[in-house]
Amino acid sequence: MLATILDPTSAIAIVLQIAVVLFCLLLGTRYGGIGLGLISGFGLLLMVFLFGLQPGKPPVDVMLTIIAVIGCASTLQQAGGLDVMMQYAEKFLRRKPELITILAPITTWFLTLLCGTGHVVYTMFPIIEDIAIKKGIRPERPMAVASTSSQMGITASPVSVATVSLASILAENAGIIDKAYSIPQILMVAIPASFSGVILAALWSIRRGKDLDKDEQFQERMKDPEFKEMVYASSETLIGKVFPKESFRAMWIFFVAIVVVVILGAFEELRPVFEGKKGMQPLSMNLVIQMVMLVAGAAILLFCKAEAGKISSTAVFKAGMTAVFSVFGVAWMADTFFQTHIDALKGSLGGVVESAPWAYALVLLIVSKLVNSQAAALVAIAPIGLQLGVAPELIVGFYGAAYGYFILPTYPSDLACIGFDKTGTTRIGKFVINHSFIIPGFISVITSCVVGAALASVLL
């Protein structure tokens, strides 16, 4: 039998298994989320059949919750509710164009908070660039930080894949950590922590780079009439566009669903009680979110003239289901490895984590970059952190570290941001790592972790 070739507990076997996991992560990122899920299956197969590891458990509860949220959000987009939200956002930005570097990241962060996905930012990029150009502001200043802020908003959203995953992980490991935190408890730490990071990154961005009239490269390119015409050409706008009443209705149904989820999470006495492993227990928030989101999506479908056949073609649906597949493969592979070696890891790493809990945040940041997903990184790393002794309060406080895919400019929203900046000021540097997003990203994440850890120690 292949599984007898290597003893799964030997040092050589462990090193080889780690190499397999890292190889699958690195290779998978070259092919995007679905490729990452598929190639993680290759690593899983090797660990089970070659190394003889017992298969771990795929995060089924998390995946089903994600699917329910994505179903509702994509139905909202198809019904036009998302466009209504974008129109309000554009009106907000154009009211004070001179403050675009501050208002743009706040807007993209808030839109993600409401919608649960950072992919809503694509519509905002040409609007932000147009406002900056007309005010003579270097577009890189608001655009780069708006891109990173849209992803930071995921850590503040009650309906994001990552937040749902974190709440599920804490609930599933309640037997180990003796406590679990609800989504409202997570958010009362995560929202101010995330927002603090966004504001500090925006303030730093105000003075970044040269003003356009002093940028030699830009002024040289402006001598080309075609380039000048392209830069100052009018951009698309949602201002003045009339949406049907059904689009507004869809938006309000979605908002009501978010409020219901938050209220039921905050007041568990409002949930029905059933017999469980530990006696009578309130209905789990995983199931609550699934039910509420399914019902909200159904209401939008029935009462807002959403075309059912086009829901699966929306950007939100495609991005969300890609994330589900990524979480599936990565989490199953990681759980198979870590659950086999958890006792050895506790012995060797438990002391390190206890004396330097920030090491957990660093690992989470790096893994997030490898898998290009906050949810996938959390599902893979947070359970291990809990079992190694990281306090659940710190798991919540360091939530912001799950956003690490700004480190290399390969994420779709960052690439789109570069593409939408016609001036070329938002760019990838000569050495790749010196790109427009890295400093705003680090400022946001570090600030979020510091503020989050402090708030968690007081509030949780």
Foldseek 3Di string as FASTA:
>chain_A
DLQVPAACPDPVNLVVLVVLLLVLLQVQVVVALLSSLVSLVVSQVCCCRNNVFDFFDFPVLLLLLLLLLLLLLLLLVLLQLLVVLVQVLLVVCVVCLVLLLQSLLVSLLVSCQLNQASVSCLVVLLSSLLSCVVVQHQSLRNLLLNSLSNVLSNQQHLRHSQLSLLQVLQVVCCVLQVDGAFSLLLNVLSVVLLVQLSNVLSVVSRPPDDRQVPDPVLVVVCVDVVLVCVSNPDDDHCPPPDDDVLSVVLNVLSVVLRVVLNVCRVDVVVADWDQDPVGIDGDDSSVVSSVSSNVSSVCSVVRSVRDPVCSCVDPSNVVSVSNSSSLRSLLRSLSSSCVVCLVVCLVPCLVVCVVPVCVLLVQLLVVCLSSVDLNSSCSNRVSSSSSSPRNSLLVSLLSLSNPNNLQAQPDPSLVSSCVSNSSNPQAQDPVRRPGSNNVSNVSSNVSSNVSSSVVSVVSD
